[in-house]
């Protein structure tokens, strides 16, 4: 079951790259990555503002 599932995903990547963007699993991964980047940016800005205030 797993082998056929991964194979269908790789085949879809080759044929329909735009379909992967519409894939809910890919969307969830992209959203989590964006959230992580936003958190990192906020942490960097917070530490930078603390350094400036000192």
Protein backbone atom coordinates (compact mmCIF):
# COMPACT_ATOMS: atom_id res chain seq x y z
CA UNK A 1 0.00 0.00 0.00
CA UNK A 2 2.75 2.45 0.94
CA UNK A 3 4.83 1.68 -2.15
CA UNK A 4 1.93 2.34 -4.52
CA UNK A 5 1.03 5.52 -2.62
CA UNK A 6 4.55 6.97 -2.87
CA UNK A 7 4.80 5.88 -6.49
CA UNK A 8 1.56 7.69 -7.36
CA UNK A 9 2.92 10.82 -5.66
CA UNK A 10 6.17 10.71 -7.64
CA UNK A 11 4.23 10.10 -10.85
CA UNK A 12 1.99 13.02 -10.05
CA UNK A 13 5.05 15.20 -9.45
CA UNK A 14 6.36 14.35 -12.90
CA UNK A 15 3.06 14.88 -14.71
CA UNK A 16 1.16 17.48 -12.67
CA UNK A 17 3.37 19.75 -10.56
CA UNK A 18 0.44 22.16 -10.17
CA UNK A 19 -1.73 19.39 -8.70
CA UNK A 20 0.76 18.98 -5.84
CA UNK A 21 0.17 22.62 -4.87
CA UNK A 22 -3.53 21.79 -4.52
CA UNK A 23 -2.70 18.71 -2.45
CA UNK A 24 -3.90 19.29 1.15
CA UNK A 25 -0.86 17.49 2.57
CA UNK A 26 1.50 19.75 0.63
CA UNK A 27 -0.54 22.80 1.63
CA UNK A 28 -0.26 21.81 5.31
CA UNK A 29 3.50 21.39 4.94
CA UNK A 30 3.88 24.77 3.26
CA UNK A 31 1.74 26.46 5.91
CA UNK A 32 3.79 24.94 8.74
CA UNK A 33 7.00 26.06 7.03
CA UNK A 34 5.65 29.60 6.65
CA UNK A 35 4.61 29.65 10.32
CA UNK A 36 8.10 28.53 11.36
CA UNK A 37 9.67 31.28 9.23
CA UNK A 38 7.34 33.89 10.72
CA UNK A 39 8.19 32.76 14.26
CA UNK A 40 11.91 32.94 13.48
CA UNK A 41 11.49 36.45 12.04
CA UNK A 42 9.56 37.57 15.11
CA UNK A 43 12.24 36.15 17.41
CA UNK A 44 14.97 37.90 15.42
CA UNK A 45 13.10 41.21 15.46
CA UNK A 46 12.42 40.87 19.20
CA UNK A 47 16.08 40.20 20.02
CA UNK A 48 17.17 43.03 17.72
CA UNK A 49 14.78 45.51 19.38
CA UNK A 50 16.06 44.45 22.83
CA UNK A 51 19.64 45.07 21.71
CA UNK A 52 18.70 48.50 20.36
CA UNK A 53 16.90 49.50 23.59
CA UNK A 54 20.00 48.53 25.59
